[in-house]
């Protein structure tokens, strides 16, 4: 397991009511059956809206999540590189709030 994946799992398990699951065959965490974070290409992906969505998307290397690779990104989901790991917990908490 990579350090990135270990951090993803630690963050997911630390959030109240989150349950480990799968989204498009990738590791994710859900709350009340709805995915709010997932792990893809050694990066963390967050379902966000509003100002926090813009903040995440404006980070260097961050982009909309496109799990198919066919230029059909999921507009609410932002994929954030490990170099911004210090923000992962904050974004995960915001994603959880949004999905709740």
C-alpha atoms as a PDB file:
ATOM      1  CA  UNK A   1       0.000   0.000   0.000  1.00  0.00           C
ATOM      2  CA  UNK A   2       1.349   3.429  -0.914  1.00  0.00           C
ATOM      3  CA  UNK A   3       1.716   6.305   1.560  1.00  0.00           C
ATOM      4  CA  UNK A   4      -0.949   8.138  -0.462  1.00  0.00           C
ATOM      5  CA  UNK A   5      -3.398   5.263  -0.098  1.00  0.00           C
ATOM      6  CA  UNK A   6      -2.627   4.907   3.608  1.00  0.00           C
ATOM      7  CA  UNK A   7      -3.404   8.592   4.126  1.00  0.00           C
ATOM      8  CA  UNK A   8      -6.649   8.305   2.130  1.00  0.00           C
ATOM      9  CA  UNK A   9      -7.796   5.378   4.291  1.00  0.00           C
ATOM     10  CA  UNK A  10      -6.795   7.109   7.529  1.00  0.00           C
ATOM     11  CA  UNK A  11      -8.739  10.230   6.569  1.00  0.00           C
ATOM     12  CA  UNK A  12     -11.790   8.245   5.474  1.00  0.00           C
ATOM     13  CA  UNK A  13     -11.860   6.181   8.659  1.00  0.00           C
ATOM     14  CA  UNK A  14     -11.505   9.294  10.812  1.00  0.00           C
ATOM     15  CA  UNK A  15     -14.755  10.833   9.532  1.00  0.00           C
ATOM     16  CA  UNK A  16     -17.955  10.209  11.491  1.00  0.00           C
ATOM     17  CA  UNK A  17     -20.399   7.777   9.837  1.00  0.00           C
ATOM     18  CA  UNK A  18     -18.138   7.121   6.825  1.00  0.00           C
ATOM     19  CA  UNK A  19     -18.091   3.601   5.399  1.00  0.00           C
ATOM     20  CA  UNK A  20     -15.386   2.135   3.172  1.00  0.00           C
ATOM     21  CA  UNK A  21     -16.762   1.067  -0.204  1.00  0.00           C
ATOM     22  CA  UNK A  22     -16.133   1.150  -3.988  1.00  0.00           C
ATOM     23  CA  UNK A  23     -16.909   3.714  -6.708  1.00  0.00           C
ATOM     24  CA  UNK A  24     -16.197   2.691 -10.316  1.00  0.00           C
ATOM     25  CA  UNK A  25     -14.130  -0.148  -8.866  1.00  0.00           C
ATOM     26  CA  UNK A  26     -11.977   2.312  -6.902  1.00  0.00           C
ATOM     27  CA  UNK A  27     -11.676   2.686  -3.143  1.00  0.00           C
ATOM     28  CA  UNK A  28     -14.075   5.241  -1.716  1.00  0.00           C
ATOM     29  CA  UNK A  29     -15.887   6.250   1.422  1.00  0.00           C
ATOM     30  CA  UNK A  30     -19.625   6.789   1.606  1.00  0.00           C
ATOM     31  CA  UNK A  31     -22.052   8.282   4.068  1.00  0.00           C
ATOM     32  CA  UNK A  32     -25.666   7.064   4.034  1.00  0.00           C
ATOM     33  CA  UNK A  33     -24.900   5.185   0.792  1.00  0.00           C
ATOM     34  CA  UNK A  34     -23.532   8.239  -1.063  1.00  0.00           C
ATOM     35  CA  UNK A  35     -19.873   8.500  -2.089  1.00  0.00           C
ATOM     36  CA  UNK A  36     -18.077  11.676  -1.051  1.00  0.00           C
ATOM     37  CA  UNK A  37     -14.365  10.822  -1.434  1.00  0.00           C
ATOM     38  CA  UNK A  38     -12.464   8.289  -3.511  1.00  0.00           C
ATOM     39  CA  UNK A  39      -8.904   7.332  -4.420  1.00  0.00           C
ATOM     40  CA  UNK A  40      -7.698   7.334  -8.042  1.00  0.00           C
ATOM     41  CA  UNK A  41      -4.209   7.373  -9.587  1.00  0.00           C
ATOM     42  CA  UNK A  42      -2.620   7.798  -6.139  1.00  0.00           C
ATOM     43  CA  UNK A  43      -4.619  11.001  -5.620  1.00  0.00           C
ATOM     44  CA  UNK A  44      -7.635  11.827  -3.532  1.00  0.00           C
ATOM     45  CA  UNK A  45     -10.906  12.847  -5.180  1.00  0.00           C
ATOM     46  CA  UNK A  46     -13.584  14.930  -3.445  1.00  0.00           C
ATOM     47  CA  UNK A  47     -17.239  15.668  -4.223  1.00  0.00           C
ATOM     48  CA  UNK A  48     -17.469  19.411  -3.613  1.00  0.00           C
ATOM     49  CA  UNK A  49     -19.511  22.497  -4.460  1.00  0.00           C
ATOM     50  CA  UNK A  50     -19.339  26.262  -4.098  1.00  0.00           C
ATOM     51  CA  UNK A  51     -16.227  28.111  -2.964  1.00  0.00           C
ATOM     52  CA  UNK A  52     -14.440  25.013  -1.647  1.00  0.00           C
ATOM     53  CA  UNK A  53     -14.852  23.366  -5.085  1.00  0.00           C
ATOM     54  CA  UNK A  54     -13.139  26.394  -6.655  1.00  0.00           C
ATOM     55  CA  UNK A  55     -10.378  26.350  -4.039  1.00  0.00           C
ATOM     56  CA  UNK A  56      -9.620  22.687  -4.704  1.00  0.00           C
ATOM     57  CA  UNK A  57      -9.756  23.067  -8.475  1.00  0.00           C
ATOM     58  CA  UNK A  58      -7.379  26.040  -8.383  1.00  0.00           C
ATOM     59  CA  UNK A  59      -4.603  24.037  -6.712  1.00  0.00           C
ATOM     60  CA  UNK A  60      -1.650  23.248  -8.971  1.00  0.00           C
ATOM     61  CA  UNK A  61      -2.213  19.870 -10.655  1.00  0.00           C
ATOM     62  CA  UNK A  62      -5.833  19.533  -9.502  1.00  0.00           C
ATOM     63  CA  UNK A  63      -8.502  18.807 -12.102  1.00  0.00           C
ATOM     64  CA  UNK A  64     -12.017  17.510 -12.550  1.00  0.00           C
ATOM     65  CA  UNK A  65     -12.281  13.750 -12.004  1.00  0.00           C
ATOM     66  CA  UNK A  66     -12.503  11.805 -15.275  1.00  0.00           C
ATOM     67  CA  UNK A  67     -12.485   8.117 -14.290  1.00  0.00           C
ATOM     68  CA  UNK A  68     -13.209   6.907 -17.840  1.00  0.00           C
ATOM     69  CA  UNK A  69     -10.382   8.926 -19.389  1.00  0.00           C
ATOM     70  CA  UNK A  70     -12.744   9.854 -22.228  1.00  0.00           C
ATOM     71  CA  UNK A  71     -12.875  13.600 -21.550  1.00  0.00           C
ATOM     72  CA  UNK A  72     -16.165  13.328 -19.667  1.00  0.00           C
ATOM     73  CA  UNK A  73     -15.249  14.763 -16.262  1.00  0.00           C
ATOM     74  CA  UNK A  74     -17.602  14.623 -13.323  1.00  0.00           C
ATOM     75  CA  UNK A  75     -18.228  18.312 -12.611  1.00  0.00           C
ATOM     76  CA  UNK A  76     -18.657  18.101  -8.844  1.00  0.00           C
ATOM     77  CA  UNK A  77     -15.624  15.861  -8.281  1.00  0.00           C
ATOM     78  CA  UNK A  78     -12.116  17.331  -7.966  1.00  0.00           C
ATOM     79  CA  UNK A  79      -8.975  15.181  -8.090  1.00  0.00           C
ATOM     80  CA  UNK A  80      -6.231  16.661  -5.885  1.00  0.00           C
ATOM     81  CA  UNK A  81      -2.577  15.538  -6.054  1.00  0.00           C
ATOM     82  CA  UNK A  82      -0.663  14.250  -3.031  1.00  0.00           C
ATOM     83  CA  UNK A  83       1.543  17.356  -2.996  1.00  0.00           C
ATOM     84  CA  UNK A  84      -1.504  19.095  -1.469  1.00  0.00           C
ATOM     85  CA  UNK A  85      -1.983  16.386   1.165  1.00  0.00           C
ATOM     86  CA  UNK A  86      -2.202  18.984   3.947  1.00  0.00           C
ATOM     87  CA  UNK A  87      -5.581  20.028   2.465  1.00  0.00           C
ATOM     88  CA  UNK A  88      -6.951  16.505   1.983  1.00  0.00           C
ATOM     89  CA  UNK A  89      -8.607  16.286   5.417  1.00  0.00           C
ATOM     90  CA  UNK A  90     -10.262  19.700   5.044  1.00  0.00           C
ATOM     91  CA  UNK A  91     -11.627  18.817   1.605  1.00  0.00           C
ATOM     92  CA  UNK A  92     -12.812  15.419   2.866  1.00  0.00           C
ATOM     93  CA  UNK A  93     -14.693  17.098   5.708  1.00  0.00           C
ATOM     94  CA  UNK A  94     -16.273  19.556   3.262  1.00  0.00           C
ATOM     95  CA  UNK A  95     -17.231  16.714   0.889  1.00  0.00           C
ATOM     96  CA  UNK A  96     -18.862  14.846   3.763  1.00  0.00           C
ATOM     97  CA  UNK A  97     -20.863  17.971   4.706  1.00  0.00           C
ATOM     98  CA  UNK A  98     -21.930  18.452   1.090  1.00  0.00           C
ATOM     99  CA  UNK A  99     -23.158  14.885   0.590  1.00  0.00           C
ATOM    100  CA  UNK A 100     -24.954  14.753   3.954  1.00  0.00           C
END
